[in-house]
Amino acid sequence: MSQAYNVVVVGRGAVGRELLRVLAQRGFAASKVTVLARSAGTLEVDGRAYEVRPAAAEEFEGCDVALFAGTEGEKGAAVQYAPEATKRGAVVIDNGNDFRMDPQVPLVVPEVNREALRGHHNLVANPNCATIQMVVPLKPIHDAAGIKRVVVASYQAASGAGAAAVAQLEAEMVALVRGAQIPAPEALPQRLAANVFPHIGGFDEEGYCSEEVKLARETHKIMGDDSIGITATTCRVPVINGHCEAINLELREELTPQAAKELLGSWEPYGDGYRPLRVLDAPHAGCYPMPIVVSGTDEVFVGRIRRDTTVPHGLNLWVAADNLRKGAALNAVQIAEQMIAMGLLSR
């Protein structure tokens, strides 16, 4: 990156803080980083202080890249401010849900479909966290053997619902340990401590919640293949950070578990030595992906790779990733990096 870019981060919550952390850790070529939120203040991330300014249209003057943290299930700030940023020449990368299925807006996981960035109109959507970590291992498998059907159950951490959900879980856990009355849930629809509930987002007429619908629709758009059958059940689990998914695949051609391990562990989407997948698959030794292993890391972890003998060419995977990093902030920054590398973002 020979140029330096004026970056605006919109949002000071869990994803906003992680965006600032990832920008610093990856040495993103930023000449200036401005943080916008509903109100003014200061924000400290890893010992670095940031001034937080109230969000306003004029704050995007001179901005090159605007990273919107987004809020799942709510209308994000990008609805109001993305047009203000883009008309001033900025490229907006939005982590919210508002533009993901817009046919004019690329929905991108760089390792999977970075070429979609060429169709951007100064606005790119970051997929849902559960979708991102699923499509990364699905891409090399689909290229090698073709995916006919996906059955996925997700086990999603509290941080996926924001800082308030984490605070709710922590308060419930403290009360549970102390034998005190557990407070009524506020940020989540149910108590989470010592509990699991299959409810992320609102329900449609067929009984699917919005997170399940997103997993299917977003995967089709990112993979560029609507023929893949996808059905999902999404659950919230009493984990602070790190999403897990049990993925069952019916493939079009044979791919043995050993071949899948070798394929996933060696996959280099850019052919430059970068490997976004880590295989942890020695279950008899207790070696498999877990939230405590993946939290704070950038890769998508895969384990419990085994044959499903109930269907032709069946395969089971257990996938885990840090939902605040690869599931949100890291993927957004990687989009910006790829746009620079592809000559799609210049000063």
Protein backbone atom coordinates (compact mmCIF):
# COMPACT_ATOMS: atom_id res chain seq x y z
CA MET A 1 0.00 0.00 0.00
CA SER A 2 1.96 2.99 -1.27
CA GLN A 3 -0.78 5.50 -0.51
CA ALA A 4 -2.32 6.52 2.78
CA TYR A 5 -6.08 6.61 3.18
CA ASN A 6 -8.46 8.70 5.25
CA VAL A 7 -10.55 6.13 7.13
CA VAL A 8 -13.81 6.68 8.99
CA VAL A 9 -15.11 4.01 11.41
CA VAL A 10 -18.80 4.35 12.23
CA GLY A 11 -19.72 2.70 15.52
CA ARG A 12 -18.07 2.39 18.91
CA GLY A 13 -19.54 -0.96 20.02
CA ALA A 14 -17.94 -4.41 19.89
CA VAL A 15 -17.47 -4.45 16.10
CA GLY A 16 -16.40 -0.80 15.96
CA ARG A 17 -13.68 -1.45 18.54
CA GLU A 18 -12.57 -4.56 16.68
CA LEU A 19 -12.37 -2.59 13.43
CA LEU A 20 -9.96 -0.17 15.10
CA ARG A 21 -7.96 -3.05 16.54
CA VAL A 22 -7.67 -4.85 13.19
CA LEU A 23 -6.71 -1.67 11.32
CA ALA A 24 -3.87 -1.11 13.79
CA GLN A 25 -2.73 -4.73 13.97
CA ARG A 26 -2.58 -5.13 10.19
CA GLY A 27 -0.83 -1.81 9.68
CA PHE A 28 -3.51 -0.55 7.33
CA ALA A 29 -2.19 2.48 5.44
CA ALA A 30 -4.35 5.07 7.16
CA SER A 31 -3.30 8.70 7.16
CA LYS A 32 -6.17 9.43 9.54
CA VAL A 33 -8.77 7.39 11.42
CA THR A 34 -11.96 9.12 12.54
CA VAL A 35 -14.52 7.44 14.80
CA LEU A 36 -18.17 8.44 14.53
CA ALA A 37 -21.02 7.47 16.84
CA ARG A 38 -24.32 8.84 18.15
CA SER A 39 -22.54 11.07 20.64
CA ALA A 40 -19.08 12.52 21.22
CA GLY A 41 -16.55 11.05 23.61
CA THR A 42 -13.29 9.14 23.73
CA LEU A 43 -12.55 5.49 23.05
CA GLU A 44 -9.47 3.52 24.03
CA VAL A 45 -8.51 0.35 22.17
CA ASP A 46 -5.32 -1.51 23.10
CA GLY A 47 -3.86 1.57 24.74
CA ARG A 48 -4.58 3.85 21.81
CA ALA A 49 -7.03 6.71 22.36
CA TYR A 50 -9.51 7.79 19.69
CA GLU A 51 -11.70 10.86 19.67
CA VAL A 52 -15.31 9.96 18.95
CA ARG A 53 -17.26 12.56 17.01
CA PRO A 54 -21.05 12.73 16.53
CA ALA A 55 -22.06 11.22 13.21
CA ALA A 56 -22.94 13.84 10.63
CA ALA A 57 -22.85 14.08 6.84
CA GLU A 58 -20.01 16.59 6.78
CA GLU A 59 -17.75 14.20 8.72
CA PHE A 60 -17.30 12.19 5.50
CA GLU A 61 -15.65 15.07 3.64
CA GLY A 62 -12.28 13.83 2.37
CA CYS A 63 -13.00 10.26 3.48
CA ASP A 64 -11.57 7.47 1.33
CA VAL A 65 -12.94 4.41 3.17
CA ALA A 66 -15.91 4.35 5.54
CA LEU A 67 -16.24 1.19 7.64
CA PHE A 68 -19.70 0.87 9.19
CA ALA A 69 -19.83 -1.47 12.17
CA GLY A 70 -23.54 -2.21 11.66
CA THR A 71 -26.06 -3.66 14.09
CA GLU A 72 -27.65 -7.00 13.25
CA GLY A 73 -31.44 -6.91 13.30
CA GLU A 74 -31.66 -3.12 13.26
CA LYS A 75 -31.49 -0.46 10.60
CA GLY A 76 -27.84 0.50 10.60
CA ALA A 77 -26.27 3.94 10.39
CA ALA A 78 -25.34 3.13 6.80
CA VAL A 79 -28.96 3.63 5.74
CA GLN A 80 -28.66 7.28 6.70
CA TYR A 81 -25.00 7.99 6.10
CA ALA A 82 -23.78 5.66 3.34
CA PRO A 83 -25.29 7.90 0.63
CA GLU A 84 -23.62 10.92 2.25
CA ALA A 85 -20.26 9.13 2.24
CA THR A 86 -20.47 7.74 -1.30
CA LYS A 87 -21.54 11.02 -2.88
CA ARG A 88 -18.40 12.54 -1.36
CA GLY A 89 -16.31 9.87 -3.09
CA ALA A 90 -15.81 7.43 -0.22
CA VAL A 91 -16.06 3.66 -0.54
CA VAL A 92 -18.46 2.32 2.09
CA ILE A 93 -18.00 -1.17 3.53
CA ASP A 94 -21.06 -1.96 5.61
CA ASN A 95 -21.24 -4.70 8.22
CA GLY A 96 -25.01 -4.34 8.62
CA ASN A 97 -27.82 -6.23 6.92
CA ASP A 98 -29.39 -3.37 4.99
CA PHE A 99 -27.65 -3.75 1.62
CA ARG A 100 -26.52 -7.38 1.53
CA MET A 101 -29.15 -8.69 -0.85
CA ASP A 102 -29.24 -5.59 -3.06
CA PRO A 103 -28.29 -6.87 -6.54
CA GLN A 104 -26.29 -3.68 -7.13
CA VAL A 105 -24.15 -4.22 -4.01
CA PRO A 106 -21.36 -6.83 -3.92
CA LEU A 107 -21.53 -9.17 -0.91
CA VAL A 108 -17.96 -10.24 -0.41
CA VAL A 109 -15.73 -12.66 1.44
CA PRO A 110 -12.39 -11.91 -0.26
CA GLU A 111 -11.10 -15.49 -0.18
CA VAL A 112 -14.28 -16.67 -1.90
CA ASN A 113 -15.48 -14.02 -4.37
CA ARG A 114 -13.16 -11.02 -4.46
CA GLU A 115 -13.86 -10.57 -8.19
CA ALA A 116 -17.35 -9.38 -7.23
CA LEU A 117 -15.66 -6.20 -5.97
CA ARG A 118 -15.20 -5.08 -9.57
CA GLY A 119 -18.95 -4.41 -9.72
CA HIS A 120 -19.02 -2.05 -6.76
CA HIS A 121 -20.64 1.38 -6.88
CA ASN A 122 -18.72 2.72 -3.86
CA LEU A 123 -20.73 0.40 -1.60
CA VAL A 124 -19.78 -3.14 -0.52
CA ALA A 125 -21.64 -5.32 1.98
CA ASN A 126 -19.94 -7.46 4.60
CA PRO A 127 -21.85 -10.75 5.07
CA ASN A 128 -23.36 -12.07 8.25
CA CYS A 129 -20.80 -13.52 10.67
CA ALA A 130 -22.16 -17.07 10.48
CA THR A 131 -22.19 -16.94 6.68
CA ILE A 132 -18.58 -15.77 6.44
CA GLN A 133 -17.12 -18.62 8.47
CA MET A 134 -19.21 -21.18 6.59
CA VAL A 135 -18.40 -20.14 3.02
CA VAL A 136 -14.63 -20.06 3.55
CA PRO A 137 -14.31 -23.88 3.92
CA LEU A 138 -17.21 -24.46 1.52
CA LYS A 139 -15.43 -22.69 -1.35
CA PRO A 140 -12.54 -25.16 -1.89
CA ILE A 141 -14.85 -28.13 -1.32
CA HIS A 142 -17.37 -26.82 -3.86
CA ASP A 143 -14.61 -26.24 -6.40
CA ALA A 144 -13.24 -29.75 -5.87
CA ALA A 145 -16.36 -31.88 -5.57
CA GLY A 146 -19.46 -29.71 -6.01
CA ILE A 147 -21.88 -29.15 -3.14
CA LYS A 148 -25.41 -30.42 -3.63
CA ARG A 149 -26.86 -29.73 -0.17
CA VAL A 150 -25.87 -28.08 3.11
CA VAL A 151 -27.47 -28.74 6.49
CA VAL A 152 -26.00 -26.45 9.12
CA ALA A 153 -26.63 -25.86 12.82
CA SER A 154 -24.88 -22.85 14.32
CA TYR A 155 -23.87 -22.29 17.93
CA GLN A 156 -23.42 -18.53 18.18
CA ALA A 157 -21.77 -16.58 20.97
CA ALA A 158 -23.28 -13.66 22.85
CA SER A 159 -20.88 -11.16 21.26
CA GLY A 160 -22.64 -11.74 17.95
CA ALA A 161 -25.56 -9.82 19.40
CA GLY A 162 -23.41 -6.94 20.66
CA ALA A 163 -21.90 -5.67 23.88
CA ALA A 164 -25.27 -5.56 25.67
CA ALA A 165 -25.77 -9.29 25.08
CA VAL A 166 -22.32 -10.03 26.51
CA ALA A 167 -23.17 -7.90 29.56
CA GLN A 168 -26.42 -9.84 29.98
CA LEU A 169 -24.61 -13.19 29.89
CA GLU A 170 -21.95 -12.02 32.35
CA ALA A 171 -24.56 -10.72 34.80
CA GLU A 172 -26.52 -13.97 34.57
CA MET A 173 -23.39 -16.06 35.14
CA VAL A 174 -22.40 -14.05 38.20
CA ALA A 175 -25.90 -14.43 39.65
CA LEU A 176 -25.90 -18.15 38.88
CA VAL A 177 -22.57 -18.75 40.62
CA ARG A 178 -23.62 -16.70 43.64
CA GLY A 179 -26.99 -18.42 43.90
CA ALA A 180 -28.72 -15.08 43.45
CA GLN A 181 -31.81 -14.35 41.41
CA ILE A 182 -30.94 -14.25 37.73
CA PRO A 183 -31.99 -10.93 36.19
CA ALA A 184 -34.64 -10.90 33.49
CA PRO A 185 -33.18 -10.86 29.97
CA GLU A 186 -32.90 -7.46 28.33
CA ALA A 187 -30.59 -7.69 25.30
CA LEU A 188 -31.57 -11.22 24.26
CA PRO A 189 -35.00 -12.86 23.95
CA GLN A 190 -34.18 -15.50 26.58
CA ARG A 191 -31.88 -16.08 29.51
CA LEU A 192 -28.54 -17.35 28.15
CA ALA A 193 -26.54 -18.54 31.17
CA ALA A 194 -26.75 -22.35 31.46
CA ASN A 195 -29.08 -22.31 28.49
CA VAL A 196 -29.23 -22.64 24.70
CA PHE A 197 -32.05 -21.25 22.58
CA PRO A 198 -32.75 -21.62 18.82
CA HIS A 199 -33.76 -18.03 18.19
CA ILE A 200 -31.61 -15.45 16.40
CA GLY A 201 -33.70 -12.75 14.78
CA GLY A 202 -37.41 -12.71 14.04
CA PHE A 203 -39.39 -15.68 12.70
CA ASP A 204 -41.06 -15.88 9.30
CA GLU A 205 -44.32 -17.62 8.37
CA GLU A 206 -42.56 -20.94 7.82
CA GLY A 207 -40.90 -20.83 11.24
CA TYR A 208 -37.39 -19.89 10.14
CA CYS A 209 -35.64 -17.09 11.98
CA SER A 210 -33.91 -14.34 10.04
CA GLU A 211 -30.40 -15.64 10.80
CA GLU A 212 -31.30 -18.94 9.15
CA VAL A 213 -32.67 -17.18 6.08
CA LYS A 214 -29.50 -15.06 5.85
CA LEU A 215 -27.27 -18.13 5.90
CA ALA A 216 -29.01 -19.54 2.85
CA ARG A 217 -29.53 -16.38 0.81
CA GLU A 218 -26.11 -14.89 1.48
CA THR A 219 -24.31 -18.16 0.73
CA HIS A 220 -26.08 -18.42 -2.62
CA LYS A 221 -25.06 -14.87 -3.53
CA ILE A 222 -21.44 -15.22 -2.41
CA MET A 223 -20.92 -18.66 -3.97
CA GLY A 224 -22.75 -17.63 -7.14
CA ASP A 225 -24.73 -20.88 -7.16
CA ASP A 226 -28.43 -20.96 -6.28
CA SER A 227 -28.62 -24.70 -6.98
CA ILE A 228 -27.08 -25.56 -3.60
CA GLY A 229 -29.77 -26.67 -1.17
CA ILE A 230 -29.24 -24.98 2.20
CA THR A 231 -31.20 -25.43 5.41
CA ALA A 232 -30.14 -24.00 8.77
CA THR A 233 -30.92 -23.94 12.48
CA THR A 234 -29.24 -21.12 14.39
CA CYS A 235 -28.79 -21.17 18.15
CA ARG A 236 -27.45 -18.80 20.80
CA VAL A 237 -25.13 -20.47 23.30
CA PRO A 238 -23.66 -19.27 26.63
CA VAL A 239 -20.26 -18.39 25.15
CA ILE A 240 -18.85 -14.87 25.18
CA ASN A 241 -17.03 -14.98 21.83
CA GLY A 242 -16.50 -17.47 18.99
CA HIS A 243 -19.16 -19.03 16.78
CA CYS A 244 -19.30 -22.74 15.95
CA GLU A 245 -21.15 -24.60 13.20
CA ALA A 246 -21.95 -28.25 12.57
CA ILE A 247 -22.06 -28.56 8.79
CA ASN A 248 -23.35 -31.58 6.91
CA LEU A 249 -22.59 -31.69 3.18
CA GLU A 250 -23.94 -33.82 0.37
CA LEU A 251 -21.43 -33.55 -2.46
CA ARG A 252 -21.81 -34.25 -6.16
CA GLU A 253 -18.54 -36.16 -6.34
CA GLU A 254 -16.50 -38.24 -3.92
CA LEU A 255 -14.22 -36.42 -1.48
CA THR A 256 -12.81 -38.59 1.27
CA PRO A 257 -12.30 -37.17 4.77
CA GLN A 258 -8.52 -37.45 4.34
CA ALA A 259 -8.64 -35.66 0.98
CA ALA A 260 -10.84 -32.97 2.54
CA LYS A 261 -8.34 -32.45 5.36
CA GLU A 262 -5.49 -32.07 2.91
CA LEU A 263 -7.51 -29.76 0.66
CA LEU A 264 -8.66 -27.47 3.47
CA GLY A 265 -5.30 -27.36 5.22
CA SER A 266 -3.37 -26.45 2.09
CA TRP A 267 -5.86 -24.10 0.39
CA GLU A 268 -4.30 -20.85 -0.79
CA PRO A 269 -7.04 -18.75 -2.40
CA TYR A 270 -4.57 -16.21 -3.79
CA GLY A 271 -1.72 -18.62 -4.51
CA ASP A 272 0.64 -16.52 -2.41
CA GLY A 273 1.11 -18.65 0.70
CA TYR A 274 -1.83 -17.15 2.63
CA ARG A 275 -3.96 -19.91 4.15
CA PRO A 276 -7.24 -18.79 5.75
CA LEU A 277 -8.16 -22.25 7.04
CA ARG A 278 -6.64 -24.22 9.90
CA VAL A 279 -7.43 -27.88 10.33
CA LEU A 280 -7.56 -29.12 13.94
CA ASP A 281 -8.67 -32.70 13.64
CA ALA A 282 -7.37 -35.14 16.22
CA PRO A 283 -10.58 -35.73 18.20
CA HIS A 284 -9.23 -38.72 20.18
CA ALA A 285 -6.60 -36.37 21.58
CA GLY A 286 -9.17 -33.67 22.30
CA CYS A 287 -7.97 -31.57 19.36
CA TYR A 288 -10.80 -29.79 17.53
CA PRO A 289 -11.95 -26.18 17.10
CA MET A 290 -13.51 -24.52 20.15
CA PRO A 291 -14.38 -20.91 21.05
CA ILE A 292 -11.51 -20.74 23.56
CA VAL A 293 -9.13 -21.76 20.77
CA VAL A 294 -10.38 -19.47 18.00
CA SER A 295 -11.15 -16.28 19.94
CA GLY A 296 -8.64 -13.61 18.99
CA THR A 297 -7.48 -15.39 15.81
CA ASP A 298 -7.99 -14.59 12.13
CA GLU A 299 -8.38 -18.02 10.56
CA VAL A 300 -11.45 -20.21 10.16
CA PHE A 301 -10.85 -23.49 11.99
CA VAL A 302 -12.16 -26.87 10.78
CA GLY A 303 -12.25 -30.23 12.54
CA ARG A 304 -14.30 -33.41 13.13
CA ILE A 305 -14.03 -34.05 9.37
CA ARG A 306 -15.75 -37.37 8.78
CA ARG A 307 -17.84 -39.27 6.29
CA ASP A 308 -21.64 -39.19 6.39
CA THR A 309 -22.59 -42.68 5.28
CA THR A 310 -26.34 -41.96 5.04
CA VAL A 311 -26.05 -40.18 1.68
CA PRO A 312 -23.80 -40.60 -1.36
CA HIS A 313 -20.67 -38.46 -1.04
CA GLY A 314 -21.60 -37.16 2.43
CA LEU A 315 -19.22 -35.20 4.65
CA ASN A 316 -19.47 -33.67 8.14
CA LEU A 317 -17.46 -30.70 9.35
CA TRP A 318 -17.17 -28.78 12.61
CA VAL A 319 -16.22 -25.14 11.95
CA ALA A 320 -15.35 -22.35 14.38
CA ALA A 321 -14.13 -18.76 14.07
CA ASP A 322 -13.90 -15.50 15.96
CA ASN A 323 -17.16 -13.83 14.98
CA LEU A 324 -15.91 -10.32 15.80
CA ARG A 325 -12.78 -10.74 13.69
CA LYS A 326 -13.22 -12.91 10.59
CA GLY A 327 -16.98 -12.76 11.12
CA ALA A 328 -17.03 -8.96 11.00
CA ALA A 329 -14.12 -6.54 11.41
CA LEU A 330 -11.32 -8.51 9.77
CA ASN A 331 -13.41 -9.37 6.73
CA ALA A 332 -14.33 -5.70 6.27
CA VAL A 333 -10.69 -4.60 6.44
CA GLN A 334 -9.70 -7.41 4.07
CA ILE A 335 -12.26 -6.09 1.59
CA ALA A 336 -10.60 -2.67 1.73
CA GLU A 337 -7.17 -4.26 1.32
CA GLN A 338 -8.32 -6.26 -1.68
CA MET A 339 -9.86 -3.20 -3.29
CA ILE A 340 -6.52 -1.43 -2.96
CA ALA A 341 -4.63 -4.43 -4.35
CA MET A 342 -7.04 -4.63 -7.30
CA GLY A 343 -6.77 -0.92 -8.03
CA LEU A 344 -10.39 -0.31 -7.08
CA LEU A 345 -9.68 2.13 -4.27
CA SER A 346 -7.38 5.07 -4.84
CA ARG A 347 -6.91 8.50 -3.36
